[in-house]
Amino acid sequence: MTDMLALYALFAIPALVVGALPWAIVSRHVRLQVGDALQLLAPYLVWVGLTFADGRDKSLSNLIELPILGAATALVFTGRVALSVMRPQRASRAPLQALACSCVVATAFWGLFPGLPE
């Protein structure tokens, strides 16, 4: 369990650090929703689930995927924030679209990163 929390920190810290800046700039104009909070969990769970389910030879060297995935998730969140500021009338679906996009990115990272040697 402790290992899973450490892996989650590798994902969440870059996501929070990179995603906090755009949120701080426009926090008066954009309200966070459930989909935004799920963006801090769902892509990680998708990546971990695919990694455990597949059983490919991924080593500890592949842990570099998690910080990169966290930063990519934050960039998707930044796009969601920008969309909500530019087009507020279409902002109702933006959190769920960003969540789906983050999960697709997690799947792509899992599939495109080869198993690295130790």
Foldseek 3Di string as FASTA:
>chain_A
DVVLVVLLCLQQVLLCVLLVVLCVVCVVQDDDDPLQVCLSPQLSCLLVVVCVVPVAQADPVLSNLRNVLSNVLSVLSSVLSVCCVVPVVPNPCSSVVSSVVSNVVSVCSNVVDHRDDD
